[in-house]
């Protein structure tokens, strides 16, 4: 299995993110569902070079919370 840059792949899948002017993404964790040549399905994980395990764990925990409970921006909820 070879390492591949996935920026163009994500573009072709229509992956987008809501970012405000001046926002600077610094890390990424990507989970891909892949259909293999034999028809089986697998999951592939990719992370940015600078992403450490503790930040990854925090991002995964936050993603689960958002998916399960929704997201409320505390600044806008006043």
PDB file of N, CA and C in Angstrom:
ATOM      1  N   UNK A   1       0.854  -1.185   0.000  1.00  0.00           N
ATOM      2  CA  UNK A   1       0.000   0.000   0.000  1.00  0.00           C
ATOM      3  C   UNK A   1       0.890   1.236   0.000  1.00  0.00           C
ATOM      4  N   UNK A   2       0.615   2.166  -0.868  1.00  0.00           N
ATOM      5  CA  UNK A   2       1.437   3.367  -1.019  1.00  0.00           C
ATOM      6  C   UNK A   2       0.784   4.570  -0.338  1.00  0.00           C
ATOM      7  N   UNK A   3       1.616   5.481   0.154  1.00  0.00           N
ATOM      8  CA  UNK A   3       1.136   6.748   0.713  1.00  0.00           C
ATOM      9  C   UNK A   3       0.724   7.654  -0.442  1.00  0.00           C
ATOM     10  N   UNK A   4      -0.405   8.351  -0.294  1.00  0.00           N
ATOM     11  CA  UNK A   4      -0.896   9.246  -1.335  1.00  0.00           C
ATOM     12  C   UNK A   4      -1.327  10.576  -0.730  1.00  0.00           C
ATOM     13  N   UNK A   5      -1.030  11.664  -1.424  1.00  0.00           N
ATOM     14  CA  UNK A   5      -1.592  12.955  -1.059  1.00  0.00           C
ATOM     15  C   UNK A   5      -3.080  12.884  -1.381  1.00  0.00           C
ATOM     16  N   UNK A   6      -3.949  13.404  -0.497  1.00  0.00           N
ATOM     17  CA  UNK A   6      -5.383  13.213  -0.714  1.00  0.00           C
ATOM     18  C   UNK A   6      -6.162  14.515  -0.918  1.00  0.00           C
ATOM     19  N   UNK A   7      -5.472  15.627  -1.059  1.00  0.00           N
ATOM     20  CA  UNK A   7      -6.168  16.900  -1.257  1.00  0.00           C
ATOM     21  C   UNK A   7      -7.099  16.879  -2.457  1.00  0.00           C
ATOM     22  N   UNK A   8      -6.592  16.454  -3.610  1.00  0.00           N
ATOM     23  CA  UNK A   8      -7.418  16.409  -4.821  1.00  0.00           C
ATOM     24  C   UNK A   8      -8.530  15.369  -4.687  1.00  0.00           C
ATOM     25  N   UNK A   9      -8.245  14.275  -3.992  1.00  0.00           N
ATOM     26  CA  UNK A   9      -9.268  13.255  -3.773  1.00  0.00           C
ATOM     27  C   UNK A   9     -10.420  13.832  -2.963  1.00  0.00           C
ATOM     28  N   UNK A  10     -10.097  14.556  -1.897  1.00  0.00           N
ATOM     29  CA  UNK A  10     -11.143  15.182  -1.089  1.00  0.00           C
ATOM     30  C   UNK A  10     -11.930  16.200  -1.904  1.00  0.00           C
ATOM     31  N   UNK A  11     -11.228  16.951  -2.751  1.00  0.00           N
ATOM     32  CA  UNK A  11     -11.910  17.900  -3.639  1.00  0.00           C
ATOM     33  C   UNK A  11     -12.887  17.166  -4.554  1.00  0.00           C
ATOM     34  N   UNK A  12     -12.447  16.052  -5.129  1.00  0.00           N
ATOM     35  CA  UNK A  12     -13.305  15.311  -6.068  1.00  0.00           C
ATOM     36  C   UNK A  12     -14.513  14.693  -5.367  1.00  0.00           C
ATOM     37  N   UNK A  13     -14.401  14.439  -4.064  1.00  0.00           N
ATOM     38  CA  UNK A  13     -15.528  13.911  -3.296  1.00  0.00           C
ATOM     39  C   UNK A  13     -16.466  15.016  -2.817  1.00  0.00           C
ATOM     40  N   UNK A  14     -16.082  16.270  -3.076  1.00  0.00           N
ATOM     41  CA  UNK A  14     -16.929  17.395  -2.681  1.00  0.00           C
ATOM     42  C   UNK A  14     -16.840  17.750  -1.209  1.00  0.00           C
ATOM     43  N   UNK A  15     -15.727  17.416  -0.556  1.00  0.00           N
ATOM     44  CA  UNK A  15     -15.553  17.729   0.860  1.00  0.00           C
ATOM     45  C   UNK A  15     -15.349  19.237   1.017  1.00  0.00           C
ATOM     46  N   UNK A  16     -16.142  19.844   1.890  1.00  0.00           N
ATOM     47  CA  UNK A  16     -16.034  21.269   2.163  1.00  0.00           C
ATOM     48  C   UNK A  16     -16.023  21.497   3.673  1.00  0.00           C
ATOM     49  N   UNK A  17     -15.619  22.674   4.082  1.00  0.00           N
ATOM     50  CA  UNK A  17     -15.629  23.060   5.490  1.00  0.00           C
ATOM     51  C   UNK A  17     -16.051  24.510   5.591  1.00  0.00           C
ATOM     52  N   UNK A  18     -16.779  24.833   6.653  1.00  0.00           N
ATOM     53  CA  UNK A  18     -17.184  26.219   6.889  1.00  0.00           C
ATOM     54  C   UNK A  18     -16.074  26.919   7.653  1.00  0.00           C
ATOM     55  N   UNK A  19     -15.431  27.873   7.008  1.00  0.00           N
ATOM     56  CA  UNK A  19     -14.354  28.644   7.618  1.00  0.00           C
ATOM     57  C   UNK A  19     -14.652  30.126   7.477  1.00  0.00           C
ATOM     58  N   UNK A  20     -14.339  30.880   8.503  1.00  0.00           N
ATOM     59  CA  UNK A  20     -14.491  32.327   8.450  1.00  0.00           C
ATOM     60  C   UNK A  20     -13.240  32.951   7.849  1.00  0.00           C
ATOM     61  N   UNK A  21     -13.380  34.155   7.332  1.00  0.00           N
ATOM     62  CA  UNK A  21     -12.248  34.920   6.800  1.00  0.00           C
ATOM     63  C   UNK A  21     -11.178  35.012   7.877  1.00  0.00           C
ATOM     64  N   UNK A  22      -9.953  34.673   7.522  1.00  0.00           N
ATOM     65  CA  UNK A  22      -8.839  34.742   8.460  1.00  0.00           C
ATOM     66  C   UNK A  22      -8.606  33.469   9.256  1.00  0.00           C
ATOM     67  N   UNK A  23      -9.531  32.498   9.186  1.00  0.00           N
ATOM     68  CA  UNK A  23      -9.317  31.221   9.877  1.00  0.00           C
ATOM     69  C   UNK A  23      -8.118  30.511   9.255  1.00  0.00           C
ATOM     70  N   UNK A  24      -7.334  29.824  10.075  1.00  0.00           N
ATOM     71  CA  UNK A  24      -6.157  29.128   9.582  1.00  0.00           C
ATOM     72  C   UNK A  24      -6.190  27.676  10.067  1.00  0.00           C
ATOM     73  N   UNK A  25      -6.626  26.751   9.228  1.00  0.00           N
ATOM     74  CA  UNK A  25      -6.597  25.340   9.627  1.00  0.00           C
ATOM     75  C   UNK A  25      -5.171  24.906   9.927  1.00  0.00           C
ATOM     76  N   UNK A  26      -4.991  24.164  11.029  1.00  0.00           N
ATOM     77  CA  UNK A  26      -3.642  23.751  11.415  1.00  0.00           C
ATOM     78  C   UNK A  26      -3.464  22.242  11.487  1.00  0.00           C
ATOM     79  N   UNK A  27      -4.534  21.492  11.624  1.00  0.00           N
ATOM     80  CA  UNK A  27      -4.450  20.035  11.681  1.00  0.00           C
ATOM     81  C   UNK A  27      -5.671  19.436  11.015  1.00  0.00           C
ATOM     82  N   UNK A  28      -5.528  18.187  10.582  1.00  0.00           N
ATOM     83  CA  UNK A  28      -6.658  17.486   9.965  1.00  0.00           C
ATOM     84  C   UNK A  28      -6.613  16.004  10.322  1.00  0.00           C
ATOM     85  N   UNK A  29      -7.794  15.468  10.512  1.00  0.00           N
ATOM     86  CA  UNK A  29      -7.975  14.026  10.678  1.00  0.00           C
ATOM     87  C   UNK A  29      -9.055  13.628   9.687  1.00  0.00           C
ATOM     88  N   UNK A  30      -8.743  12.715   8.805  1.00  0.00           N
ATOM     89  CA  UNK A  30      -9.658  12.328   7.739  1.00  0.00           C
ATOM     90  C   UNK A  30      -9.941  10.833   7.856  1.00  0.00           C
ATOM     91  N   UNK A  31     -11.206  10.472   7.776  1.00  0.00           N
ATOM     92  CA  UNK A  31     -11.608   9.074   7.780  1.00  0.00           C
ATOM     93  C   UNK A  31     -12.270   8.791   6.439  1.00  0.00           C
ATOM     94  N   UNK A  32     -11.710   7.850   5.683  1.00  0.00           N
ATOM     95  CA  UNK A  32     -12.210   7.524   4.352  1.00  0.00           C
ATOM     96  C   UNK A  32     -12.834   6.141   4.343  1.00  0.00           C
ATOM     97  N   UNK A  33     -13.993   6.010   3.721  1.00  0.00           N
ATOM     98  CA  UNK A  33     -14.560   4.690   3.451  1.00  0.00           C
ATOM     99  C   UNK A  33     -14.124   4.335   2.045  1.00  0.00           C
ATOM    100  N   UNK A  34     -13.442   3.209   1.919  1.00  0.00           N
ATOM    101  CA  UNK A  34     -12.832   2.804   0.660  1.00  0.00           C
ATOM    102  C   UNK A  34     -13.420   1.471   0.205  1.00  0.00           C
ATOM    103  N   UNK A  35     -13.824   1.401  -1.060  1.00  0.00           N
ATOM    104  CA  UNK A  35     -14.241   0.136  -1.655  1.00  0.00           C
ATOM    105  C   UNK A  35     -13.028  -0.423  -2.396  1.00  0.00           C
ATOM    106  N   UNK A  36     -12.578  -1.582  -1.951  1.00  0.00           N
ATOM    107  CA  UNK A  36     -11.400  -2.221  -2.530  1.00  0.00           C
ATOM    108  C   UNK A  36     -11.736  -2.829  -3.891  1.00  0.00           C
ATOM    109  N   UNK A  37     -10.705  -3.209  -4.646  1.00  0.00           N
ATOM    110  CA  UNK A  37     -10.881  -3.793  -5.982  1.00  0.00           C
ATOM    111  C   UNK A  37     -11.720  -5.070  -5.929  1.00  0.00           C
ATOM    112  N   UNK A  38     -11.644  -5.803  -4.809  1.00  0.00           N
ATOM    113  CA  UNK A  38     -12.407  -7.050  -4.698  1.00  0.00           C
ATOM    114  C   UNK A  38     -13.834  -6.830  -4.197  1.00  0.00           C
ATOM    115  N   UNK A  39     -14.217  -5.556  -3.993  1.00  0.00           N
ATOM    116  CA  UNK A  39     -15.576  -5.227  -3.577  1.00  0.00           C
ATOM    117  C   UNK A  39     -15.761  -5.082  -2.084  1.00  0.00           C
ATOM    118  N   UNK A  40     -14.759  -5.432  -1.292  1.00  0.00           N
ATOM    119  CA  UNK A  40     -14.877  -5.262   0.152  1.00  0.00           C
ATOM    120  C   UNK A  40     -14.718  -3.788   0.513  1.00  0.00           C
ATOM    121  N   UNK A  41     -15.233  -3.431   1.674  1.00  0.00           N
ATOM    122  CA  UNK A  41     -15.172  -2.058   2.137  1.00  0.00           C
ATOM    123  C   UNK A  41     -14.275  -1.974   3.366  1.00  0.00           C
ATOM    124  N   UNK A  42     -13.485  -0.913   3.441  1.00  0.00           N
ATOM    125  CA  UNK A  42     -12.638  -0.716   4.615  1.00  0.00           C
ATOM    126  C   UNK A  42     -12.602   0.759   4.978  1.00  0.00           C
ATOM    127  N   UNK A  43     -12.081   1.052   6.152  1.00  0.00           N
ATOM    128  CA  UNK A  43     -11.885   2.421   6.592  1.00  0.00           C
ATOM    129  C   UNK A  43     -10.399   2.709   6.604  1.00  0.00           C
ATOM    130  N   UNK A  44     -10.042   3.904   6.150  1.00  0.00           N
ATOM    131  CA  UNK A  44      -8.656   4.340   6.127  1.00  0.00           C
ATOM    132  C   UNK A  44      -8.585   5.679   6.857  1.00  0.00           C
ATOM    133  N   UNK A  45      -7.626   5.799   7.765  1.00  0.00           N
ATOM    134  CA  UNK A  45      -7.437   7.027   8.536  1.00  0.00           C
ATOM    135  C   UNK A  45      -6.215   7.767   8.012  1.00  0.00           C
ATOM    136  N   UNK A  46      -6.330   9.087   7.906  1.00  0.00           N
ATOM    137  CA  UNK A  46      -5.201   9.919   7.518  1.00  0.00           C
ATOM    138  C   UNK A  46      -5.154  11.125   8.441  1.00  0.00           C
ATOM    139  N   UNK A  47      -3.953  11.556   8.796  1.00  0.00           N
ATOM    140  CA  UNK A  47      -3.803  12.722   9.662  1.00  0.00           C
ATOM    141  C   UNK A  47      -2.717  13.632   9.099  1.00  0.00           C
ATOM    142  N   UNK A  48      -2.797  14.901   9.449  1.00  0.00           N
ATOM    143  CA  UNK A  48      -1.746  15.834   9.043  1.00  0.00           C
ATOM    144  C   UNK A  48      -0.461  15.525   9.805  1.00  0.00           C
ATOM    145  N   UNK A  49       0.662  15.928   9.213  1.00  0.00           N
ATOM    146  CA  UNK A  49       1.979  15.603   9.782  1.00  0.00           C
ATOM    147  C   UNK A  49       2.169  16.085  11.214  1.00  0.00           C
ATOM    148  N   UNK A  50       1.649  17.258  11.529  1.00  0.00           N
ATOM    149  CA  UNK A  50       1.900  17.846  12.840  1.00  0.00           C
ATOM    150  C   UNK A  50       0.915  17.394  13.923  1.00  0.00           C
ATOM    151  N   UNK A  51      -0.066  16.589  13.568  1.00  0.00           N
ATOM    152  CA  UNK A  51      -1.104  16.201  14.529  1.00  0.00           C
ATOM    153  C   UNK A  51      -0.567  15.180  15.524  1.00  0.00           C
ATOM    154  N   UNK A  52      -0.537  15.567  16.805  1.00  0.00           N
ATOM    155  CA  UNK A  52      -0.078  14.647  17.847  1.00  0.00           C
ATOM    156  C   UNK A  52      -1.257  13.846  18.389  1.00  0.00           C
ATOM    157  N   UNK A  53      -0.961  12.788  19.115  1.00  0.00           N
ATOM    158  CA  UNK A  53      -2.010  11.855  19.545  1.00  0.00           C
ATOM    159  C   UNK A  53      -3.007  12.488  20.507  1.00  0.00           C
ATOM    160  N   UNK A  54      -2.571  13.384  21.370  1.00  0.00           N
ATOM    161  CA  UNK A  54      -3.479  13.984  22.335  1.00  0.00           C
ATOM    162  C   UNK A  54      -4.460  14.933  21.650  1.00  0.00           C
ATOM    163  N   UNK A  55      -3.984  15.685  20.664  1.00  0.00           N
ATOM    164  CA  UNK A  55      -4.870  16.562  19.898  1.00  0.00           C
ATOM    165  C   UNK A  55      -5.821  15.730  19.053  1.00  0.00           C
ATOM    166  N   UNK A  56      -5.317  14.644  18.467  1.00  0.00           N
ATOM    167  CA  UNK A  56      -6.172  13.742  17.701  1.00  0.00           C
ATOM    168  C   UNK A  56      -7.292  13.179  18.569  1.00  0.00           C
ATOM    169  N   UNK A  57      -6.953  12.746  19.776  1.00  0.00           N
ATOM    170  CA  UNK A  57      -7.966  12.219  20.687  1.00  0.00           C
ATOM    171  C   UNK A  57      -9.013  13.283  21.022  1.00  0.00           C
ATOM    172  N   UNK A  58      -8.555  14.511  21.246  1.00  0.00           N
ATOM    173  CA  UNK A  58      -9.489  15.605  21.515  1.00  0.00           C
ATOM    174  C   UNK A  58     -10.397  15.892  20.333  1.00  0.00           C
ATOM    175  N   UNK A  59      -9.822  15.871  19.120  1.00  0.00           N
ATOM    176  CA  UNK A  59     -10.627  16.113  17.915  1.00  0.00           C
ATOM    177  C   UNK A  59     -11.658  15.008  17.727  1.00  0.00           C
ATOM    178  N   UNK A  60     -11.260  13.755  17.957  1.00  0.00           N
ATOM    179  CA  UNK A  60     -12.199  12.639  17.821  1.00  0.00           C
ATOM    180  C   UNK A  60     -13.322  12.728  18.851  1.00  0.00           C
ATOM    181  N   UNK A  61     -12.968  13.076  20.088  1.00  0.00           N
ATOM    182  CA  UNK A  61     -13.960  13.216  21.147  1.00  0.00           C
ATOM    183  C   UNK A  61     -14.944  14.337  20.819  1.00  0.00           C
ATOM    184  N   UNK A  62     -14.420  15.466  20.336  1.00  0.00           N
ATOM    185  CA  UNK A  62     -15.278  16.586  19.954  1.00  0.00           C
ATOM    186  C   UNK A  62     -16.185  16.210  18.785  1.00  0.00           C
ATOM    187  N   UNK A  63     -15.639  15.488  17.802  1.00  0.00           N
ATOM    188  CA  UNK A  63     -16.438  15.069  16.645  1.00  0.00           C
ATOM    189  C   UNK A  63     -17.590  14.170  17.083  1.00  0.00           C
ATOM    190  N   UNK A  64     -17.333  13.234  17.979  1.00  0.00           N
ATOM    191  CA  UNK A  64     -18.393  12.363  18.487  1.00  0.00           C
ATOM    192  C   UNK A  64     -19.461  13.167  19.206  1.00  0.00           C
ATOM    193  N   UNK A  65     -19.048  14.111  20.026  1.00  0.00           N
ATOM    194  CA  UNK A  65     -19.989  14.957  20.761  1.00  0.00           C
ATOM    195  C   UNK A  65     -20.863  15.763  19.796  1.00  0.00           C
ATOM    196  N   UNK A  66     -20.231  16.345  18.787  1.00  0.00           N
ATOM    197  CA  UNK A  66     -20.975  17.138  17.802  1.00  0.00           C
ATOM    198  C   UNK A  66     -21.944  16.257  17.023  1.00  0.00           C
ATOM    199  N   UNK A  67     -21.489  15.085  16.583  1.00  0.00           N
ATOM    200  CA  UNK A  67     -22.355  14.181  15.812  1.00  0.00           C
ATOM    201  C   UNK A  67     -23.529  13.678  16.650  1.00  0.00           C
ATOM    202  N   UNK A  68     -23.279  13.399  17.929  1.00  0.00           N
ATOM    203  CA  UNK A  68     -24.328  12.843  18.790  1.00  0.00           C
ATOM    204  C   UNK A  68     -25.284  13.894  19.345  1.00  0.00           C
ATOM    205  N   UNK A  69     -24.765  15.087  19.656  1.00  0.00           N
ATOM    206  CA  UNK A  69     -25.570  16.087  20.349  1.00  0.00           C
ATOM    207  C   UNK A  69     -25.815  17.361  19.555  1.00  0.00           C
ATOM    208  N   UNK A  70     -25.148  17.523  18.422  1.00  0.00           N
ATOM    209  CA  UNK A  70     -25.244  18.774  17.688  1.00  0.00           C
ATOM    210  C   UNK A  70     -24.220  19.755  18.222  1.00  0.00           C
ATOM    211  N   UNK A  71     -24.084  20.881  17.552  1.00  0.00           N
ATOM    212  CA  UNK A  71     -23.103  21.884  17.949  1.00  0.00           C
ATOM    213  C   UNK A  71     -23.811  23.199  18.193  1.00  0.00           C
ATOM    214  N   UNK A  72     -23.499  23.795  19.325  1.00  0.00           N
ATOM    215  CA  UNK A  72     -24.016  25.113  19.639  1.00  0.00           C
ATOM    216  C   UNK A  72     -22.831  26.018  19.916  1.00  0.00           C
ATOM    217  N   UNK A  73     -22.739  27.117  19.188  1.00  0.00           N
ATOM    218  CA  UNK A  73     -21.671  28.083  19.398  1.00  0.00           C
ATOM    219  C   UNK A  73     -22.055  28.894  20.631  1.00  0.00           C
ATOM    220  N   UNK A  74     -21.315  28.710  21.716  1.00  0.00           N
ATOM    221  CA  UNK A  74     -21.655  29.356  22.986  1.00  0.00           C
ATOM    222  C   UNK A  74     -21.716  30.875  22.869  1.00  0.00           C
ATOM    223  N   UNK A  75     -20.865  31.460  22.014  1.00  0.00           N
ATOM    224  CA  UNK A  75     -20.875  32.919  21.847  1.00  0.00           C
ATOM    225  C   UNK A  75     -22.170  33.404  21.198  1.00  0.00           C
ATOM    226  N   UNK A  76     -22.762  32.576  20.330  1.00  0.00           N
ATOM    227  CA  UNK A  76     -23.983  32.974  19.619  1.00  0.00           C
ATOM    228  C   UNK A  76     -25.244  32.549  20.371  1.00  0.00           C
ATOM    229  N   UNK A  77     -25.099  31.752  21.443  1.00  0.00           N
ATOM    230  CA  UNK A  77     -26.243  31.207  22.174  1.00  0.00           C
ATOM    231  C   UNK A  77     -26.711  32.111  23.304  1.00  0.00           C
ATOM    232  N   UNK A  78     -26.081  33.267  23.490  1.00  0.00           N
ATOM    233  CA  UNK A  78     -26.452  34.168  24.599  1.00  0.00           C
ATOM    234  C   UNK A  78     -27.793  34.806  24.398  1.00  0.00           C
TER     235      UNK A  78
END
